């Protein structure tokens, strides 16, 4: 009887204070954009299918290039790392759950060196290596993350030499690093989840300008340019925010809504 009375008293207290007591909000609730993107990335079969499609297309293109005896010079392919070779969605999931996004926790995530491989990439790169095609990684991970990055690639079985990893030292523009590769090799194909992985012409552009360059390069995609899906982050997002990442989640969401076409 005492337990029942105590329970009723506690219930009465919550009812009486309900209009004044703060409500517990789940962490990261204000950023539903990230929740949906990470959920799609981690749970959809469509994501995996798109990755397999990308590497299947690339293999066909490389096989054609290898068969063309008229093409001279040492062959190479160039790949971005994050969301092209390694899957960082657990880091993004942490950001959704805590409400604290990049750069918070990014260094720690890299140092863990436990990122899984993007579907299909390990088998593809091992095939490329057997064919004698050089494999270069050009990433905007900072140079201080070099050792952890090497460790992660070794765990996945896709480390091909220290000189094949070109991380960011000063500029995020990948053009100079691509030119370094081109001094000794012919780049047969470029792989990335961001348009800047293919050409500097895509960098710091508005939505409309990015569309225009994509349309101009449309024949390159699926052959010389291989794009991996990434709805979680990227220059596409910056274009929506006018490259102002200091805006609040509410402001970013509002800007996204304004860009929606409903006609």
Protein backbone atom coordinates (compact mmCIF):
# COMPACT_ATOMS: atom_id res chain seq x y z
CA UNK A 1 0.00 0.00 0.00
CA UNK A 2 2.86 2.36 0.88
CA UNK A 3 4.45 1.66 -2.56
CA UNK A 4 1.18 2.54 -4.34
CA UNK A 5 0.82 5.80 -2.40
CA UNK A 6 4.47 6.70 -3.12
CA UNK A 7 3.99 5.98 -6.81
CA UNK A 8 0.89 8.19 -6.97
CA UNK A 9 2.77 11.00 -5.24
CA UNK A 10 5.62 10.83 -7.74
CA UNK A 11 3.15 10.75 -10.65
CA UNK A 12 1.32 13.76 -9.23
CA UNK A 13 4.59 15.64 -8.93
CA UNK A 14 5.42 15.09 -12.61
CA UNK A 15 1.94 16.12 -13.72
CA UNK A 16 2.01 19.24 -11.55
CA UNK A 17 5.47 20.27 -12.79
CA UNK A 18 5.05 19.12 -16.38
CA UNK A 19 4.65 22.61 -17.82
CA UNK A 20 7.84 23.82 -16.15
CA UNK A 21 10.19 20.81 -16.16
CA UNK A 22 12.69 20.75 -19.07
CA UNK A 23 12.17 17.99 -21.62
CA UNK A 24 15.06 15.65 -22.33
CA UNK A 25 15.96 15.98 -26.02
CA UNK A 26 17.97 13.27 -27.75
CA UNK A 27 21.47 14.41 -28.61
CA UNK A 28 21.87 15.51 -32.21
CA UNK A 29 18.12 15.89 -32.75
CA UNK A 30 18.68 19.31 -34.25
CA UNK A 31 20.67 17.72 -37.09
CA UNK A 32 18.25 15.33 -38.77
CA UNK A 33 20.09 16.00 -42.04
CA UNK A 34 23.04 13.98 -40.75
CA UNK A 35 20.84 11.25 -39.29
CA UNK A 36 19.14 10.45 -42.59
CA UNK A 37 22.39 10.64 -44.58
CA UNK A 38 24.35 8.33 -42.26
CA UNK A 39 21.41 5.93 -41.98
CA UNK A 40 21.19 5.63 -45.78
CA UNK A 41 24.95 5.17 -46.04
CA UNK A 42 25.05 2.39 -43.43
CA UNK A 43 21.79 0.53 -44.05
CA UNK A 44 20.81 0.80 -47.70
CA UNK A 45 21.61 -1.95 -50.16
CA UNK A 46 21.49 0.77 -52.78
CA UNK A 47 24.66 2.34 -51.37
CA UNK A 48 26.54 -0.95 -51.65
CA UNK A 49 25.17 -1.50 -55.16
CA UNK A 50 26.41 1.91 -56.29
CA UNK A 51 29.89 1.15 -54.96
CA UNK A 52 30.02 -2.18 -56.77
CA UNK A 53 28.73 -0.48 -59.91
CA UNK A 54 31.51 2.11 -59.71
CA UNK A 55 34.30 -0.44 -59.40
CA UNK A 56 32.78 -2.78 -62.00
CA UNK A 57 32.68 0.12 -64.47
CA UNK A 58 36.24 1.07 -63.61
CA UNK A 59 37.48 -2.46 -64.16
CA UNK A 60 35.91 -2.60 -67.62
CA UNK A 61 37.48 0.75 -68.51
CA UNK A 62 40.91 -0.30 -67.26
CA UNK A 63 40.72 -3.60 -69.15
CA UNK A 64 40.06 -1.67 -72.36
CA UNK A 65 43.00 0.60 -71.64
CA UNK A 66 45.30 -2.34 -70.98
CA UNK A 67 44.33 -3.93 -74.29
CA UNK A 68 45.16 -0.77 -76.23
CA UNK A 69 48.77 -1.35 -77.25
CA UNK A 70 49.05 2.13 -78.77
CA UNK A 71 48.87 3.80 -75.37
CA UNK A 72 52.32 4.48 -73.98
CA UNK A 73 53.71 5.26 -70.53
CA UNK A 74 53.32 3.75 -67.09
CA UNK A 75 49.73 3.53 -65.98
CA UNK A 76 48.34 4.78 -62.68
CA UNK A 77 45.02 5.35 -60.99
CA UNK A 78 44.44 8.02 -58.33
CA UNK A 79 41.95 7.64 -55.52
CA UNK A 80 40.69 9.84 -52.74
CA UNK A 81 40.61 8.02 -49.39
CA UNK A 82 37.65 9.05 -47.25
CA UNK A 83 34.35 7.62 -48.52
CA UNK A 84 36.17 6.45 -51.66
CA UNK A 85 38.44 3.80 -50.17
CA UNK A 86 37.68 3.85 -46.43
CA UNK A 87 34.30 4.13 -44.74
CA UNK A 88 34.19 6.85 -42.06
CA UNK A 89 30.45 6.61 -41.43
CA UNK A 90 31.02 5.51 -37.79
CA UNK A 91 32.66 8.90 -37.19
CA UNK A 92 29.66 10.59 -38.79
CA UNK A 93 27.33 8.47 -36.64
CA UNK A 94 29.14 9.67 -33.53
CA UNK A 95 28.64 13.24 -34.69
CA UNK A 96 24.90 12.65 -35.08
CA UNK A 97 24.61 11.07 -31.64
CA UNK A 98 26.64 13.71 -29.81
CA UNK A 99 25.69 16.76 -31.86
CA UNK A 100 29.41 17.51 -32.30
CA UNK A 101 30.62 17.28 -35.88
CA UNK A 102 33.92 17.75 -37.70
CA UNK A 103 36.57 18.59 -36.63
CA UNK A 104 35.55 17.35 -33.16
CA UNK A 105 36.86 13.80 -32.75
CA UNK A 106 38.24 13.52 -36.29
CA UNK A 107 41.90 13.17 -35.26
CA UNK A 108 40.95 10.52 -32.71
CA UNK A 109 38.98 8.62 -35.35
CA UNK A 110 41.93 8.60 -37.75
CA UNK A 111 44.27 7.48 -34.96
CA UNK A 112 42.03 4.48 -34.28
CA UNK A 113 42.94 3.26 -37.79
CA UNK A 114 39.93 0.94 -37.84
CA UNK A 115 37.89 2.29 -40.73
CA UNK A 116 36.38 -0.45 -42.86
CA UNK A 117 36.77 -0.56 -46.64
CA UNK A 118 34.19 0.81 -49.04
CA UNK A 119 32.32 -2.15 -50.61
CA UNK A 120 34.20 -3.61 -53.56
CA UNK A 121 37.34 -1.49 -53.28
CA UNK A 122 39.70 -4.11 -51.78
CA UNK A 123 39.07 -6.68 -54.51
CA UNK A 124 39.29 -4.00 -57.17
CA UNK A 125 42.59 -2.53 -55.94
CA UNK A 126 44.18 -5.94 -55.52
CA UNK A 127 43.23 -6.70 -59.13
CA UNK A 128 44.67 -3.35 -60.28
CA UNK A 129 47.91 -4.05 -58.43
CA UNK A 130 48.27 -7.47 -60.07
CA UNK A 131 47.87 -5.80 -63.46
CA UNK A 132 50.90 -3.63 -62.75
CA UNK A 133 48.96 -0.37 -62.56
CA UNK A 134 50.33 2.02 -59.94
CA UNK A 135 47.88 3.03 -57.21
CA UNK A 136 48.12 6.50 -55.67
CA UNK A 137 46.04 7.90 -52.82
CA UNK A 138 45.57 11.68 -52.85
CA UNK A 139 43.68 12.74 -49.74
CA UNK A 140 43.05 15.94 -47.83
CA UNK A 141 43.71 14.20 -44.57
CA UNK A 142 46.40 16.25 -42.84
CA UNK A 143 49.97 14.99 -43.04
CA UNK A 144 50.08 14.39 -39.27
CA UNK A 145 47.61 11.54 -39.83
CA UNK A 146 50.00 9.77 -42.20
CA UNK A 147 51.12 6.92 -39.92
CA UNK A 148 47.61 6.08 -38.75
CA UNK A 149 46.39 6.17 -42.35
CA UNK A 150 49.13 3.76 -43.40
CA UNK A 151 48.21 1.43 -40.55
CA UNK A 152 44.57 1.46 -41.57
CA UNK A 153 45.41 0.68 -45.22
CA UNK A 154 47.74 -2.13 -44.15
CA UNK A 155 44.95 -3.71 -42.10
CA UNK A 156 42.74 -3.66 -45.19
CA UNK A 157 45.45 -5.12 -47.43
CA UNK A 158 45.58 -2.12 -49.76
CA UNK A 159 48.84 -0.39 -48.81
CA UNK A 160 51.12 -0.04 -51.84
CA UNK A 161 54.02 2.06 -50.55
CA UNK A 162 54.76 5.26 -48.61
CA UNK A 163 55.35 7.22 -51.82
CA UNK A 164 51.85 6.35 -53.01
CA UNK A 165 50.11 8.33 -50.26
CA UNK A 166 49.93 12.09 -50.84
CA UNK A 167 48.20 13.84 -47.95
CA UNK A 168 47.50 17.55 -47.44
CA UNK A 169 50.47 19.60 -46.32
CA UNK A 170 49.41 23.15 -47.23
CA UNK A 171 46.66 23.49 -49.79
CA UNK A 172 43.50 21.41 -50.10
CA UNK A 173 43.75 21.81 -53.88
CA UNK A 174 44.68 18.38 -55.19
CA UNK A 175 45.82 19.63 -58.60
CA UNK A 176 49.55 19.97 -57.70
CA UNK A 177 49.60 16.45 -56.25
CA UNK A 178 47.94 15.02 -59.34
CA UNK A 179 50.57 16.79 -61.45
CA UNK A 180 53.29 15.10 -59.40
CA UNK A 181 51.88 11.71 -60.33
CA UNK A 182 51.62 12.78 -63.96
CA UNK A 183 55.37 13.46 -64.11
CA UNK A 184 56.01 9.72 -64.13
CA UNK A 185 52.67 8.09 -64.98
CA UNK A 186 49.64 8.40 -67.20
CA UNK A 187 46.58 8.64 -64.97
CA UNK A 188 44.05 6.28 -66.49
CA UNK A 189 41.27 6.93 -63.97
CA UNK A 190 40.46 9.11 -60.98
CA UNK A 191 38.21 8.02 -58.10
CA UNK A 192 36.44 10.18 -55.56
CA UNK A 193 33.26 11.12 -53.71
CA UNK A 194 33.79 14.83 -54.27
CA UNK A 195 34.12 16.61 -57.61
CA UNK A 196 37.35 18.25 -56.48
CA UNK A 197 38.89 14.77 -56.60
CA UNK A 198 38.76 15.01 -60.39
CA UNK A 199 39.57 18.60 -61.26
CA UNK A 200 40.34 21.92 -59.62
CA UNK A 201 37.71 23.44 -61.89
CA UNK A 202 35.08 22.20 -59.44
CA UNK A 203 36.56 23.91 -56.39
CA UNK A 204 34.91 26.93 -54.73
CA UNK A 205 32.01 27.04 -57.14
CA UNK A 206 28.31 27.75 -56.71
CA UNK A 207 25.70 25.08 -57.29
CA UNK A 208 24.99 26.34 -60.80
CA UNK A 209 28.68 26.57 -61.66
CA UNK A 210 29.27 23.01 -60.45
CA UNK A 211 26.36 21.81 -62.58
CA UNK A 212 27.87 23.53 -65.62
CA UNK A 213 31.27 21.86 -65.19
CA UNK A 214 29.65 18.47 -64.62
CA UNK A 215 27.65 18.87 -67.83
CA UNK A 216 30.82 19.81 -69.70
CA UNK A 217 32.59 16.68 -68.35
CA UNK A 218 29.62 14.33 -68.73
CA UNK A 219 31.48 11.93 -71.04
CA UNK A 220 34.20 11.42 -68.44
CA UNK A 221 31.96 9.91 -65.77
CA UNK A 222 31.88 6.14 -65.64
CA UNK A 223 35.24 5.90 -67.37
CA UNK A 224 38.02 8.39 -66.61
CA UNK A 225 36.09 9.76 -63.62
CA UNK A 226 34.58 7.27 -61.15
CA UNK A 227 32.28 8.81 -58.53
CA UNK A 228 31.42 7.12 -55.22
CA UNK A 229 28.18 8.08 -53.37
CA UNK A 230 28.43 10.24 -50.26
CA UNK A 231 25.36 12.12 -48.95
CA UNK A 232 26.98 12.76 -45.55
CA UNK A 233 29.25 15.71 -46.40
CA UNK A 234 31.20 17.31 -49.22
CA UNK A 235 31.65 20.39 -51.37
CA UNK A 236 28.06 19.96 -52.59
CA UNK A 237 26.96 20.87 -49.07
CA UNK A 238 29.27 23.87 -48.92
CA UNK A 239 27.77 25.16 -52.15
CA UNK A 240 24.33 25.19 -50.51
CA UNK A 241 25.67 27.19 -47.53
CA UNK A 242 27.81 29.50 -49.68
CA UNK A 243 30.80 27.77 -48.05
CA UNK A 244 29.87 29.24 -44.67
CA UNK A 245 30.09 26.25 -42.32
CA UNK A 246 29.79 28.49 -39.27
CA UNK A 247 26.02 28.62 -39.70
CA UNK A 248 23.87 26.78 -37.16
CA UNK A 249 22.15 23.52 -38.02
CA UNK A 250 18.83 25.38 -38.10
CA UNK A 251 20.23 27.93 -40.57
CA UNK A 252 21.71 25.18 -42.74
CA UNK A 253 18.42 23.32 -42.79
CA UNK A 254 16.58 26.50 -43.76
CA UNK A 255 19.00 27.11 -46.63
CA UNK A 256 18.54 23.55 -47.83
CA UNK A 257 14.78 23.94 -47.80
CA UNK A 258 15.02 27.15 -49.81
CA UNK A 259 16.98 25.27 -52.49
CA UNK A 260 14.31 22.57 -52.89
CA UNK A 261 12.45 22.53 -56.18
CA UNK A 262 8.74 21.74 -55.88
CA UNK A 263 7.72 22.55 -59.43
